[in-house]
Amino acid sequence: MATSTPTRDAYAPPPRGSQHKPAPRRQNWRSRLWRFDDKASPYAYIAPFFLVFGAFGLYPLIYTGWIALHRVEMTGMNQMEWVGWENFDRILHDSEFWTAVSNTFVIGVMSTVPQLLVALGLAHLLNYKLRASTFWRTVILTPYATSVASAALVFALVFRADGGLLNWALQFVGLGDTNWANGHWTSKIAISVIVIWRWTGYNTLIYLAAMQAVPSDLYEAASIDGASRWQQFRKVTIPSLRPTILFTIVISTIGSMQLFGEPLLLEGGTLGATGGNENQYETLSVYLYNYGWNLGHLGPAAAVAWAMLALLLLIAAVNWLIGRYVRKSAV
């Protein structure tokens, strides 16, 4: 009887030499693609920000610096004449520029200091358990949601010399009328009130969020030691909020350097606005606006913009040094 040749079991593993191995080229290609994706993906995610910043932030900044070195008129944008530092020398020797710098600094101090103090107090009150706390926080933030044009126009009616609400109240108590827009200090007070009203709620919520991040163990330990609420506020809350307070100071300082809508609309929002009949509340932004749009001299206007940038960097450096000193003294 014929015998069949033995066959290998179908389920037995194949010989060692006959095992199928993946192609090394295909495996290397996949590993290279994975490594490229791992390294390039973060840059692809943040690329839109840098593209938008380059188009609407960096390019206008550089082009403004280029215009500041030329004589350019609004009526002839294609005609540029190189003048070097002449535009900067022109504004630095202009007394109106230094008046605008002084007005900007004074209004910034008059609006920032009360604003942050009131915001800190309101945040301390909202930090306690109150009924309808969400409602009160929404009410606090409502002025911030109001446009600067609407707020400035309403307050312009309040501070009107003839028939204004504030003058009516002063007459009612027998204090007489006040020409708020034409006075040197009253005009600054009026603009500061608008800024305080609009931005206090914003800073209040920032302080409130920082207060809620303070560990409750600190307050419990202070309470056990017999500290009152005022002492807890001074010894626990304020030291914990130092970075946040420094942040709000920097942000408020930058905002005060860019004040434009409030002084412009206080005068009525006319195209020829100059910040008062004697430039008593002309800020740097209004001064830039007058050079660029009213007079049509784009070169000096661009120089003013770069001067504002230099002042902001100087103020930021001072704030950084103060914050560094405070942190070292706290340690």
Protein backbone atom coordinates (compact mmCIF):
# COMPACT_ATOMS: atom_id res chain seq x y z
CA MET A 1 0.00 0.00 0.00
CA ALA A 2 1.38 3.35 -0.96
CA THR A 3 2.23 5.59 1.85
CA SER A 4 1.73 9.37 1.62
CA THR A 5 4.54 11.67 2.47
CA PRO A 6 4.14 13.34 5.84
CA THR A 7 2.84 16.92 5.61
CA ARG A 8 3.41 19.76 8.05
CA ASP A 9 0.47 20.57 10.27
CA ALA A 10 -1.42 23.61 9.00
CA TYR A 11 -1.51 25.11 12.50
CA ALA A 12 2.15 24.62 13.24
CA PRO A 13 4.32 27.75 13.18
CA PRO A 14 6.30 28.24 9.99
CA PRO A 15 10.03 27.72 9.97
CA ARG A 16 12.10 30.51 11.41
CA GLY A 17 13.57 31.54 8.11
CA SER A 18 10.24 31.76 6.33
CA GLN A 19 8.50 34.25 8.72
CA HIS A 20 7.17 37.38 6.97
CA LYS A 21 8.91 40.58 8.04
CA PRO A 22 7.48 44.08 7.40
CA ALA A 23 9.30 46.18 4.90
CA PRO A 24 11.88 48.30 6.71
CA ARG A 25 11.36 51.22 4.32
CA ARG A 26 7.64 51.37 5.09
CA GLN A 27 8.29 51.22 8.84
CA ASN A 28 10.93 53.96 8.67
CA TRP A 29 8.60 56.16 6.62
CA ARG A 30 5.86 55.85 9.24
CA SER A 31 8.23 56.56 12.12
CA ARG A 32 9.58 59.63 10.34
CA LEU A 33 6.04 60.87 9.69
CA TRP A 34 5.09 60.33 13.33
CA ARG A 35 8.17 62.20 14.56
CA PHE A 36 7.50 65.07 12.15
CA ASP A 37 3.86 65.27 13.27
CA ASP A 38 4.90 65.23 16.94
CA LYS A 39 7.32 68.13 16.44
CA ALA A 40 5.40 70.20 13.89
CA SER A 41 1.87 69.99 15.31
CA PRO A 42 2.40 72.51 18.17
CA TYR A 43 3.79 75.06 15.70
CA ALA A 44 0.85 74.48 13.36
CA TYR A 45 -1.61 75.08 16.23
CA ILE A 46 -0.07 78.42 17.19
CA ALA A 47 0.69 79.55 13.62
CA PRO A 48 -2.69 81.33 13.14
CA PHE A 49 -1.98 83.61 16.10
CA PHE A 50 1.43 84.62 14.77
CA LEU A 51 0.03 85.13 11.26
CA VAL A 52 -2.71 87.43 12.57
CA PHE A 53 -0.28 89.21 14.89
CA GLY A 54 2.19 89.70 12.07
CA ALA A 55 -0.46 91.07 9.71
CA PHE A 56 -2.34 93.32 12.14
CA GLY A 57 0.24 93.97 14.88
CA LEU A 58 3.87 93.68 13.85
CA TYR A 59 3.58 95.00 10.30
CA PRO A 60 1.61 98.16 11.27
CA LEU A 61 4.10 98.80 14.09
CA ILE A 62 7.11 98.58 11.77
CA TYR A 63 5.36 100.58 9.04
CA THR A 64 4.41 103.28 11.54
CA GLY A 65 8.07 103.54 12.54
CA TRP A 66 9.00 103.87 8.86
CA ILE A 67 6.43 106.66 8.37
CA ALA A 68 7.78 108.44 11.49
CA LEU A 69 11.06 108.91 9.61
CA HIS A 70 9.41 110.53 6.59
CA ARG A 71 7.36 113.59 5.72
CA VAL A 72 3.97 112.20 4.69
CA GLU A 73 0.70 114.06 4.21
CA MET A 74 -2.78 112.59 4.31
CA THR A 75 -3.49 114.00 0.85
CA GLY A 76 -0.39 112.40 -0.71
CA MET A 77 0.31 109.00 0.78
CA ASN A 78 2.44 107.97 -2.19
CA GLN A 79 4.81 110.91 -1.74
CA MET A 80 7.23 110.24 1.09
CA GLU A 81 10.30 112.37 1.84
CA TRP A 82 13.01 111.10 4.17
CA VAL A 83 13.53 113.44 7.13
CA GLY A 84 15.13 111.13 9.68
CA TRP A 85 14.52 112.17 13.30
CA GLU A 86 12.95 115.49 12.38
CA ASN A 87 9.42 114.40 13.33
CA PHE A 88 10.57 113.22 16.76
CA ASP A 89 12.47 116.46 17.29
CA ARG A 90 9.35 118.38 16.25
CA ILE A 91 7.05 116.81 18.81
CA LEU A 92 9.64 116.85 21.60
CA HIS A 93 9.98 120.61 21.20
CA ASP A 94 6.21 121.12 21.04
CA SER A 95 4.77 122.37 24.33
CA GLU A 96 1.38 120.88 23.44
CA PHE A 97 2.97 117.41 23.40
CA TRP A 98 4.20 117.79 26.97
CA THR A 99 0.79 119.17 27.97
CA ALA A 100 -0.76 116.00 26.55
CA VAL A 101 1.77 113.88 28.44
CA SER A 102 0.97 115.69 31.68
CA ASN A 103 -2.79 115.42 31.13
CA THR A 104 -2.51 111.71 30.34
CA PHE A 105 -0.46 111.06 33.48
CA VAL A 106 -2.75 113.10 35.76
CA ILE A 107 -5.97 111.58 34.40
CA GLY A 108 -4.39 108.13 34.62
CA VAL A 109 -3.55 108.56 38.30
CA MET A 110 -6.92 110.15 39.11
CA SER A 111 -8.79 107.29 37.47
CA THR A 112 -6.57 104.29 38.29
CA VAL A 113 -6.03 104.75 42.04
CA PRO A 114 -9.71 105.18 43.08
CA GLN A 115 -10.78 102.59 40.55
CA LEU A 116 -8.56 99.84 41.94
CA LEU A 117 -9.30 100.74 45.57
CA VAL A 118 -13.06 100.63 44.99
CA ALA A 119 -12.71 97.40 43.00
CA LEU A 120 -10.72 95.82 45.83
CA GLY A 121 -13.38 96.79 48.38
CA LEU A 122 -16.26 95.53 46.24
CA ALA A 123 -14.47 92.24 45.59
CA HIS A 124 -13.95 91.82 49.34
CA LEU A 125 -17.69 92.30 49.91
CA LEU A 126 -18.67 89.92 47.09
CA ASN A 127 -16.26 87.31 48.44
CA TYR A 128 -18.57 86.71 51.39
CA LYS A 129 -21.65 84.55 51.05
CA LEU A 130 -24.41 86.81 49.77
CA ARG A 131 -27.87 86.14 48.51
CA ALA A 132 -28.16 86.42 44.72
CA SER A 133 -24.39 86.65 44.36
CA THR A 134 -24.61 85.94 40.61
CA PHE A 135 -26.99 88.88 40.19
CA TRP A 136 -24.65 91.28 42.00
CA ARG A 137 -21.66 90.12 39.97
CA THR A 138 -23.61 90.69 36.78
CA VAL A 139 -24.62 94.16 37.93
CA ILE A 140 -20.99 94.97 38.75
CA LEU A 141 -19.91 93.96 35.23
CA THR A 142 -22.69 95.83 33.40
CA PRO A 143 -20.76 99.13 32.95
CA TYR A 144 -17.89 97.22 31.32
CA ALA A 145 -20.30 95.77 28.75
CA THR A 146 -21.45 99.29 27.84
CA SER A 147 -19.69 100.84 24.86
CA VAL A 148 -17.35 103.73 25.54
CA ALA A 149 -19.32 105.93 23.12
CA SER A 150 -22.59 105.37 24.96
CA ALA A 151 -21.01 105.90 28.38
CA ALA A 152 -19.15 109.05 27.33
CA LEU A 153 -22.22 110.59 25.68
CA VAL A 154 -24.38 109.92 28.75
CA PHE A 155 -21.79 111.41 31.08
CA ALA A 156 -21.35 114.37 28.71
CA LEU A 157 -25.01 115.14 29.32
CA VAL A 158 -24.53 114.70 33.05
CA PHE A 159 -21.59 117.13 33.11
CA ARG A 160 -23.12 119.72 30.79
CA ALA A 161 -22.74 123.29 31.96
CA ASP A 162 -26.27 124.28 30.93
CA GLY A 163 -28.96 121.92 32.09
CA GLY A 164 -26.71 119.06 33.13
CA LEU A 165 -27.91 116.64 35.76
CA LEU A 166 -24.95 117.23 38.07
CA ASN A 167 -25.27 121.01 37.91
CA TRP A 168 -29.00 120.68 38.62
CA ALA A 169 -28.15 118.66 41.75
CA LEU A 170 -25.56 121.24 42.79
CA GLN A 171 -28.07 124.04 42.32
CA PHE A 172 -30.60 122.09 44.36
CA VAL A 173 -28.26 122.05 47.36
CA GLY A 174 -27.20 125.66 46.77
CA LEU A 175 -23.63 125.12 45.47
CA GLY A 176 -24.11 126.83 42.09
CA ASP A 177 -23.07 125.83 38.57
CA THR A 178 -19.73 124.39 37.45
CA ASN A 179 -18.36 124.46 33.91
CA TRP A 180 -17.02 120.93 34.01
CA ALA A 181 -15.67 120.69 30.45
CA ASN A 182 -13.81 124.01 30.44
CA GLY A 183 -12.14 123.81 33.84
CA HIS A 184 -8.59 122.50 34.16
CA TRP A 185 -9.32 120.16 37.07
CA THR A 186 -13.07 119.69 36.66
CA SER A 187 -12.60 118.33 33.13
CA LYS A 188 -10.06 115.81 34.38
CA ILE A 189 -12.41 114.82 37.19
CA ALA A 190 -15.24 114.30 34.69
CA ILE A 191 -13.12 112.05 32.47
CA SER A 192 -11.82 110.14 35.49
CA VAL A 193 -15.38 109.50 36.68
CA ILE A 194 -16.26 108.00 33.30
CA VAL A 195 -13.21 105.70 33.40
CA ILE A 196 -13.85 104.69 37.02
CA TRP A 197 -17.51 103.92 36.33
CA ARG A 198 -16.69 101.79 33.29
CA TRP A 199 -13.71 99.75 34.52
CA THR A 200 -14.31 99.23 38.24
CA GLY A 201 -16.52 96.17 37.69
CA TYR A 202 -13.96 94.53 35.41
CA ASN A 203 -11.20 94.84 38.02
CA THR A 204 -13.64 93.77 40.75
CA LEU A 205 -14.21 90.40 39.10
CA ILE A 206 -10.45 89.93 38.61
CA TYR A 207 -9.85 90.57 42.32
CA LEU A 208 -12.80 88.35 43.26
CA ALA A 209 -11.41 85.42 41.25
CA ALA A 210 -8.02 85.88 42.93
CA MET A 211 -9.62 86.07 46.40
CA GLN A 212 -11.50 82.83 45.85
CA ALA A 213 -8.20 81.12 45.05
CA VAL A 214 -6.75 82.02 48.47
CA PRO A 215 -6.73 78.87 50.68
CA SER A 216 -9.40 78.97 53.37
CA ASP A 217 -6.92 77.48 55.85
CA LEU A 218 -5.18 80.85 56.03
CA TYR A 219 -8.39 82.59 57.09
CA GLU A 220 -9.18 79.85 59.61
CA ALA A 221 -5.73 80.11 61.15
CA ALA A 222 -6.01 83.90 61.33
CA SER A 223 -9.47 83.62 62.91
CA ILE A 224 -8.16 81.19 65.54
CA ASP A 225 -5.40 83.68 66.35
CA GLY A 226 -8.09 86.29 67.03
CA ALA A 227 -7.71 88.39 63.86
CA SER A 228 -10.72 90.47 62.89
CA ARG A 229 -12.06 90.63 59.34
CA TRP A 230 -10.18 93.85 58.67
CA GLN A 231 -6.95 92.30 59.97
CA GLN A 232 -7.56 89.21 57.83
CA PHE A 233 -8.05 91.48 54.84
CA ARG A 234 -4.78 93.33 55.49
CA LYS A 235 -2.64 90.38 56.60
CA VAL A 236 -4.01 87.55 54.44
CA THR A 237 -5.95 88.87 51.45
CA ILE A 238 -3.71 91.75 50.35
CA PRO A 239 -0.41 89.76 50.46
CA SER A 240 -2.07 86.94 48.50
CA LEU A 241 -3.29 89.38 45.84
CA ARG A 242 0.02 91.14 45.19
CA PRO A 243 0.61 89.57 41.74
CA THR A 244 -3.00 90.29 40.75
CA ILE A 245 -2.81 93.88 42.00
CA LEU A 246 0.38 94.42 40.00
CA PHE A 247 -1.33 92.97 36.93
CA THR A 248 -4.32 95.32 37.24
CA ILE A 249 -2.00 98.30 37.77
CA VAL A 250 -0.16 97.48 34.53
CA ILE A 251 -3.39 96.94 32.57
CA SER A 252 -4.97 100.14 33.94
CA THR A 253 -1.81 102.10 33.15
CA ILE A 254 -1.84 100.89 29.55
CA GLY A 255 -5.54 101.79 29.31
CA SER A 256 -4.95 105.29 30.69
CA MET A 257 -2.20 105.86 28.13
CA GLN A 258 -4.71 105.08 25.38
CA LEU A 259 -7.56 107.30 26.59
CA PHE A 260 -9.29 108.63 23.51
CA GLY A 261 -13.05 108.15 23.44
CA GLU A 262 -13.77 109.77 26.81
CA PRO A 263 -11.99 113.12 26.23
CA LEU A 264 -13.09 113.26 22.59
CA LEU A 265 -16.77 112.67 23.33
CA LEU A 266 -16.75 114.94 26.36
CA GLU A 267 -16.09 117.77 23.91
CA GLY A 268 -18.93 116.61 21.68
CA GLY A 269 -17.09 114.22 19.38
CA THR A 270 -16.45 116.88 16.71
CA LEU A 271 -13.75 116.41 14.09
CA GLY A 272 -11.88 119.46 15.30
CA ALA A 273 -11.74 118.38 18.94
CA THR A 274 -8.56 119.52 20.65
CA GLY A 275 -9.12 118.40 24.22
CA GLY A 276 -10.64 121.63 25.51
CA ASN A 277 -10.33 125.31 24.64
CA GLU A 278 -6.90 125.38 26.32
CA ASN A 279 -5.99 121.71 25.78
CA GLN A 280 -6.74 121.15 29.46
CA TYR A 281 -7.76 117.51 28.96
CA GLU A 282 -5.98 116.67 25.71
CA THR A 283 -4.45 113.21 26.04
CA LEU A 284 -1.72 111.69 23.89
CA SER A 285 -4.27 109.79 21.82
CA VAL A 286 -6.21 113.00 21.09
CA TYR A 287 -2.93 114.78 20.29
CA LEU A 288 -2.06 111.99 17.81
CA TYR A 289 -5.57 112.19 16.35
CA ASN A 290 -5.23 115.94 15.78
CA TYR A 291 -1.90 115.58 13.99
CA GLY A 292 -2.98 112.65 11.84
CA TRP A 293 -6.60 113.42 10.97
CA ASN A 294 -7.24 117.11 11.61
CA LEU A 295 -3.92 118.44 10.29
CA GLY A 296 -3.10 115.52 8.00
CA HIS A 297 0.57 115.29 9.04
CA LEU A 298 1.14 111.54 9.28
CA GLY A 299 4.87 111.75 10.04
CA PRO A 300 4.55 113.55 13.40
CA ALA A 301 1.47 111.43 14.21
CA ALA A 302 3.52 108.25 13.74
CA ALA A 303 6.27 109.75 15.91
CA VAL A 304 3.70 110.38 18.66
CA ALA A 305 2.61 106.73 18.42
CA TRP A 306 6.19 105.55 18.93
CA ALA A 307 6.64 108.02 21.78
CA MET A 308 3.57 106.47 23.44
CA LEU A 309 5.12 103.02 22.99
CA ALA A 310 8.35 104.22 24.60
CA LEU A 311 6.43 105.68 27.57
CA LEU A 312 4.50 102.43 27.99
CA LEU A 313 7.72 100.40 28.01
CA LEU A 314 9.19 102.80 30.56
CA ILE A 315 6.12 102.51 32.81
CA ALA A 316 6.13 98.72 32.43
CA ALA A 317 9.80 98.63 33.47
CA VAL A 318 9.06 100.78 36.55
CA ASN A 319 6.15 98.52 37.49
CA TRP A 320 8.37 95.45 37.06
CA LEU A 321 11.05 96.93 39.31
CA ILE A 322 8.47 97.84 41.95
CA GLY A 323 6.96 94.36 41.80
CA ARG A 324 10.38 92.76 42.08
CA TYR A 325 11.19 94.90 45.13
CA VAL A 326 7.86 94.03 46.76
CA ARG A 327 8.42 90.31 46.19
CA LYS A 328 11.90 90.46 47.68
CA SER A 329 10.71 92.46 50.68
CA ALA A 330 7.90 89.93 51.26
CA VAL A 331 10.44 87.09 51.44
